[in-house]
Amino acid sequence: MTRVSVIGCGNMGGSLLRGLARTDSYHLTAIDLDPDALAAVEDVVDVATDDAAAAKEADIVVLAVKPDIAEHVLADLDLDAGQQLVTLAAGLPREFVAERTPASVVRIMPNLAAETGEMAAAATNEGLTDEVREMLDDAGEFVEVDESLMDVSTAVNGSGPAFAFYLIDAVKQAGIDGGLDPEQAETLAAQTFKGAAETVLRDDRSVDELIDAVCSPNGTTIEGMEVLWDSDADEAVVDAVAAAEERSRELAEAFDDE
């Protein structure tokens, strides 16, 4: 059984712990100074503690803290070369971390869907081991990228859930405006996005081909698509991703200056 310690049990760290707990393949330790954060995950972990020294016993240590306190936390860790340190803070360069620990370091960017085993993640080629690959597989899907692509990955899959939630809520609201009650509209909108995403992942057709498959001539869908095609909706989404990517770069620059 792989021993995993997660330092920082907020939204992302907590989601990863809950996702890994679903598999029964890990001995999980939650480490956080915030008692509320520990209380939120204590029902899915084997150990919940505020002592960072507990990470010494782990095979994989996940650093899930805010970028601005990462250096302070790293200074308190006593890891060895046989351990693997996984960092998931936006903008935190792998090299910055590797210079401060003898452990093998890999940088990843997951998202909140780790909790349900539906995570999308990017991981740096450098430092990625089979043991970490297996952990990522258990939490969802992942791709291996050069670290130079981690900023855009942060924007696409790290920030992407918020953009998807925004669009789901817009479709939900349209359903409510048409007469559905909020619970019905949310179920239909969310499940529709979930099913569409699964289709993109599992179907050999391109996204454009899938759109064509739904758009019957003179039907209802093509009428709605005409509105989207005539709008700047796609440009707004691209701009949102670009803004998130730029912010990730700005965070990284702060570490370059140290």
Protein backbone atom coordinates (compact mmCIF):
# COMPACT_ATOMS: atom_id res chain seq x y z
CA MET A 1 0.00 0.00 0.00
CA THR A 2 1.45 3.36 -1.05
CA ARG A 3 1.81 5.87 1.77
CA VAL A 4 0.73 9.37 0.71
CA SER A 5 0.97 12.49 2.85
CA VAL A 6 -0.84 15.63 1.71
CA ILE A 7 0.42 18.89 3.20
CA GLY A 8 -2.35 21.46 2.88
CA CYS A 9 -5.88 20.10 3.06
CA GLY A 10 -7.84 22.95 1.52
CA ASN A 11 -9.92 22.64 -1.62
CA MET A 12 -7.37 20.89 -3.84
CA GLY A 13 -5.53 18.89 -1.20
CA GLY A 14 -8.81 17.75 0.31
CA SER A 15 -10.21 16.78 -3.08
CA LEU A 16 -7.15 14.65 -3.83
CA LEU A 17 -7.38 12.91 -0.46
CA ARG A 18 -11.05 12.09 -0.98
CA GLY A 19 -10.38 10.82 -4.48
CA LEU A 20 -7.54 8.55 -3.41
CA ALA A 21 -9.58 7.29 -0.46
CA ARG A 22 -12.13 5.89 -2.91
CA THR A 23 -9.59 3.33 -4.15
CA ASP A 24 -8.54 1.74 -0.83
CA SER A 25 -5.00 1.55 -2.25
CA TYR A 26 -3.35 4.21 -0.09
CA HIS A 27 -2.42 4.91 3.50
CA LEU A 28 -3.36 8.59 3.69
CA THR A 29 -1.99 11.23 6.04
CA ALA A 30 -3.49 14.72 6.12
CA ILE A 31 -1.20 17.51 7.40
CA ASP A 32 -2.48 21.02 8.07
CA LEU A 33 -2.22 23.67 10.78
CA ASP A 34 -5.91 24.51 10.36
CA PRO A 35 -8.05 22.23 12.56
CA ASP A 36 -11.09 22.89 10.38
CA ALA A 37 -9.23 21.67 7.29
CA LEU A 38 -8.21 18.49 9.09
CA ALA A 39 -11.74 17.95 10.39
CA ALA A 40 -13.06 18.17 6.84
CA VAL A 41 -10.98 15.15 5.72
CA GLU A 42 -10.52 13.13 8.90
CA ASP A 43 -13.24 10.68 7.88
CA VAL A 44 -11.30 9.62 4.73
CA VAL A 45 -7.69 9.55 5.98
CA ASP A 46 -5.73 7.24 8.25
CA VAL A 47 -3.88 10.03 10.06
CA ALA A 48 -4.78 13.70 10.51
CA THR A 49 -2.11 15.88 12.10
CA ASP A 50 -0.65 19.37 12.29
CA ASP A 51 2.91 17.96 12.46
CA ALA A 52 4.82 18.20 9.17
CA ALA A 53 7.26 15.59 10.48
CA ALA A 54 4.62 12.96 9.67
CA ALA A 55 5.55 13.36 5.99
CA LYS A 56 8.85 11.62 6.75
CA GLU A 57 7.06 8.25 6.64
CA ALA A 58 5.43 8.78 3.21
CA ASP A 59 6.38 7.33 -0.16
CA ILE A 60 4.72 10.31 -1.89
CA VAL A 61 4.42 13.75 -0.30
CA VAL A 62 1.98 16.15 -1.94
CA LEU A 63 2.65 19.84 -1.32
CA ALA A 64 -0.77 21.46 -1.69
CA VAL A 65 -0.18 24.84 -0.09
CA LYS A 66 -0.42 28.37 -1.46
CA PRO A 67 2.61 29.40 -3.56
CA ASP A 68 3.54 32.22 -1.18
CA ILE A 69 4.07 29.89 1.80
CA ALA A 70 5.65 26.99 -0.10
CA GLU A 71 9.22 28.00 0.72
CA HIS A 72 8.44 28.21 4.43
CA VAL A 73 6.82 24.76 4.41
CA LEU A 74 9.71 23.26 2.43
CA ALA A 75 12.14 24.53 5.06
CA ASP A 76 10.29 22.51 7.71
CA LEU A 77 10.30 19.26 5.73
CA ASP A 78 12.92 16.59 6.31
CA LEU A 79 12.59 14.34 3.27
CA ASP A 80 15.14 12.00 1.72
CA ALA A 81 16.17 11.00 -1.80
CA GLY A 82 13.96 7.91 -1.71
CA GLN A 83 10.78 9.97 -1.40
CA GLN A 84 8.75 11.69 -4.09
CA LEU A 85 7.53 15.25 -3.62
CA VAL A 86 4.57 16.33 -5.76
CA THR A 87 3.89 20.06 -5.96
CA LEU A 88 0.63 21.50 -7.25
CA ALA A 89 0.83 25.20 -6.43
CA ALA A 90 0.13 27.46 -9.40
CA GLY A 91 3.25 29.17 -10.72
CA LEU A 92 5.65 27.32 -8.40
CA PRO A 93 8.57 26.17 -10.58
CA ARG A 94 9.79 22.61 -10.19
CA GLU A 95 13.41 23.76 -10.01
CA PHE A 96 12.64 26.13 -7.11
CA VAL A 97 11.33 23.18 -5.10
CA ALA A 98 14.02 20.72 -6.20
CA GLU A 99 16.74 23.06 -4.96
CA ARG A 100 15.24 22.88 -1.46
CA THR A 101 14.80 19.14 -0.97
CA PRO A 102 16.70 15.93 -1.72
CA ALA A 103 13.43 14.21 -2.64
CA SER A 104 12.51 13.53 -6.28
CA VAL A 105 10.28 16.41 -7.37
CA VAL A 106 7.49 16.52 -9.94
CA ARG A 107 5.15 19.43 -10.59
CA ILE A 108 1.50 18.75 -11.39
CA MET A 109 -1.63 20.79 -11.92
CA PRO A 110 -4.76 18.82 -11.01
CA ASN A 111 -8.31 20.05 -10.46
CA LEU A 112 -11.17 19.60 -8.00
CA ALA A 113 -12.68 16.66 -9.87
CA ALA A 114 -10.01 14.48 -8.23
CA GLU A 115 -12.60 14.01 -5.49
CA THR A 116 -14.82 11.95 -7.80
CA GLY A 117 -12.03 10.26 -9.75
CA GLU A 118 -12.67 12.52 -12.75
CA MET A 119 -9.65 14.81 -12.38
CA ALA A 120 -7.85 16.32 -15.36
CA ALA A 121 -4.19 16.94 -14.59
CA ALA A 122 -0.94 17.94 -16.25
CA ALA A 123 2.38 16.66 -14.93
CA THR A 124 5.92 17.65 -15.81
CA ASN A 125 7.94 15.06 -17.70
CA GLU A 126 10.89 15.65 -15.41
CA GLY A 127 10.60 13.95 -12.04
CA LEU A 128 7.51 11.93 -12.95
CA THR A 129 7.73 8.35 -11.65
CA ASP A 130 5.55 5.30 -12.23
CA GLU A 131 4.33 5.51 -8.63
CA VAL A 132 3.09 9.06 -9.16
CA ARG A 133 1.61 8.09 -12.54
CA GLU A 134 -0.40 5.39 -10.79
CA MET A 135 -1.64 7.89 -8.20
CA LEU A 136 -2.73 10.30 -10.93
CA ASP A 137 -4.45 7.49 -12.82
CA ASP A 138 -6.43 6.66 -9.69
CA ALA A 139 -7.65 10.26 -9.47
CA GLY A 140 -8.59 10.68 -13.15
CA GLU A 141 -6.84 11.46 -16.42
CA PHE A 142 -3.47 13.16 -16.86
CA VAL A 143 -1.07 14.26 -19.56
CA GLU A 144 2.72 14.63 -19.41
CA VAL A 145 4.06 18.00 -20.58
CA ASP A 146 7.25 20.04 -20.59
CA GLU A 147 7.29 22.48 -17.68
CA SER A 148 7.17 25.37 -20.16
CA LEU A 149 3.53 24.34 -20.78
CA MET A 150 2.46 24.29 -17.14
CA ASP A 151 1.13 27.85 -17.21
CA VAL A 152 -1.32 27.11 -20.00
CA SER A 153 -2.14 23.75 -18.40
CA THR A 154 -2.92 25.60 -15.18
CA ALA A 155 -5.36 27.76 -17.13
CA VAL A 156 -6.97 24.94 -19.13
CA ASN A 157 -7.51 22.23 -16.55
CA GLY A 158 -6.71 23.97 -13.27
CA SER A 159 -8.95 27.01 -13.80
CA GLY A 160 -11.13 25.28 -16.39
CA PRO A 161 -13.67 23.83 -13.91
CA ALA A 162 -14.72 27.35 -12.89
CA PHE A 163 -15.28 28.25 -16.55
CA ALA A 164 -17.32 25.06 -17.01
CA PHE A 165 -19.36 25.80 -13.86
CA TYR A 166 -20.10 29.26 -15.28
CA LEU A 167 -21.42 27.79 -18.53
CA ILE A 168 -23.42 25.09 -16.74
CA ASP A 169 -25.04 27.77 -14.61
CA ALA A 170 -25.95 29.78 -17.73
CA VAL A 171 -27.66 26.75 -19.31
CA LYS A 172 -29.35 25.99 -15.98
CA GLN A 173 -30.68 29.55 -15.78
CA ALA A 174 -32.07 29.28 -19.30
CA GLY A 175 -33.94 26.14 -18.20
CA ILE A 176 -35.33 27.94 -15.16
CA ASP A 177 -36.42 30.85 -17.33
CA GLY A 178 -38.26 28.36 -19.52
CA GLY A 179 -40.20 26.88 -16.60
CA LEU A 180 -38.04 24.09 -15.11
CA ASP A 181 -37.54 24.17 -11.37
CA PRO A 182 -33.93 24.87 -10.27
CA GLU A 183 -33.17 21.27 -9.28
CA GLN A 184 -34.45 19.89 -12.58
CA ALA A 185 -32.56 22.51 -14.58
CA GLU A 186 -29.31 21.88 -12.70
CA THR A 187 -29.54 18.10 -13.16
CA LEU A 188 -30.21 18.41 -16.87
CA ALA A 189 -27.52 21.04 -17.46
CA ALA A 190 -24.78 19.37 -15.40
CA GLN A 191 -25.44 15.87 -16.74
CA THR A 192 -25.50 17.22 -20.29
CA PHE A 193 -22.05 18.77 -19.87
CA LYS A 194 -20.78 15.58 -18.21
CA GLY A 195 -22.11 13.42 -21.05
CA ALA A 196 -20.76 15.76 -23.71
CA ALA A 197 -17.30 15.69 -22.13
CA GLU A 198 -17.32 11.89 -21.99
CA THR A 199 -18.34 11.78 -25.64
CA VAL A 200 -15.43 14.03 -26.64
CA LEU A 201 -13.01 11.78 -24.74
CA ARG A 202 -14.36 8.46 -25.99
CA ASP A 203 -15.54 9.23 -29.53
CA ASP A 204 -13.16 9.25 -32.50
CA ARG A 205 -14.96 12.17 -34.12
CA SER A 206 -13.70 15.74 -33.76
CA VAL A 207 -15.62 18.33 -31.76
CA ASP A 208 -16.82 19.96 -34.99
CA GLU A 209 -18.06 16.58 -36.24
CA LEU A 210 -19.90 15.98 -32.96
CA ILE A 211 -21.58 19.38 -33.22
CA ASP A 212 -22.71 18.47 -36.73
CA ALA A 213 -24.06 15.16 -35.42
CA VAL A 214 -26.33 16.99 -32.96
CA CYS A 215 -27.39 19.72 -35.42
CA SER A 216 -30.16 18.22 -37.54
CA PRO A 217 -31.02 20.41 -40.58
CA ASN A 218 -33.82 22.84 -39.71
CA GLY A 219 -33.83 21.44 -36.15
CA THR A 220 -33.67 23.06 -32.73
CA THR A 221 -29.94 22.72 -32.04
CA ILE A 222 -28.75 24.48 -35.16
CA GLU A 223 -30.95 27.45 -34.29
CA GLY A 224 -29.13 27.75 -30.97
CA MET A 225 -25.74 27.18 -32.56
CA GLU A 226 -26.36 29.99 -35.03
CA VAL A 227 -26.66 32.34 -32.04
CA LEU A 228 -23.35 31.08 -30.61
CA TRP A 229 -21.58 31.20 -33.98
CA ASP A 230 -22.70 34.81 -34.42
CA SER A 231 -21.52 35.78 -30.93
CA ASP A 232 -18.10 36.29 -29.35
CA ALA A 233 -18.68 33.47 -26.84
CA ASP A 234 -15.69 31.44 -28.04
CA GLU A 235 -13.42 34.48 -27.92
CA ALA A 236 -14.52 35.24 -24.34
CA VAL A 237 -13.59 31.71 -23.26
CA VAL A 238 -10.20 31.95 -24.99
CA ASP A 239 -9.61 35.29 -23.26
CA ALA A 240 -10.51 33.77 -19.88
CA VAL A 241 -7.98 30.97 -20.37
CA ALA A 242 -5.34 33.47 -21.52
CA ALA A 243 -5.92 35.65 -18.43
CA ALA A 244 -5.49 32.66 -16.13
CA GLU A 245 -2.34 31.61 -17.99
CA GLU A 246 -0.85 35.09 -17.63
CA ARG A 247 -1.55 35.09 -13.90
CA SER A 248 0.27 31.76 -13.57
CA ARG A 249 3.28 33.31 -15.33
CA GLU A 250 3.19 36.30 -12.97
CA LEU A 251 3.23 33.97 -9.96
CA ALA A 252 6.23 32.12 -11.41
CA GLU A 253 8.14 35.38 -11.93
CA ALA A 254 8.05 36.02 -8.19
CA PHE A 255 10.06 32.84 -7.64
CA ASP A 256 12.49 33.70 -10.45
CA ASP A 257 13.46 36.80 -8.49
CA GLU A 258 14.44 34.81 -5.39
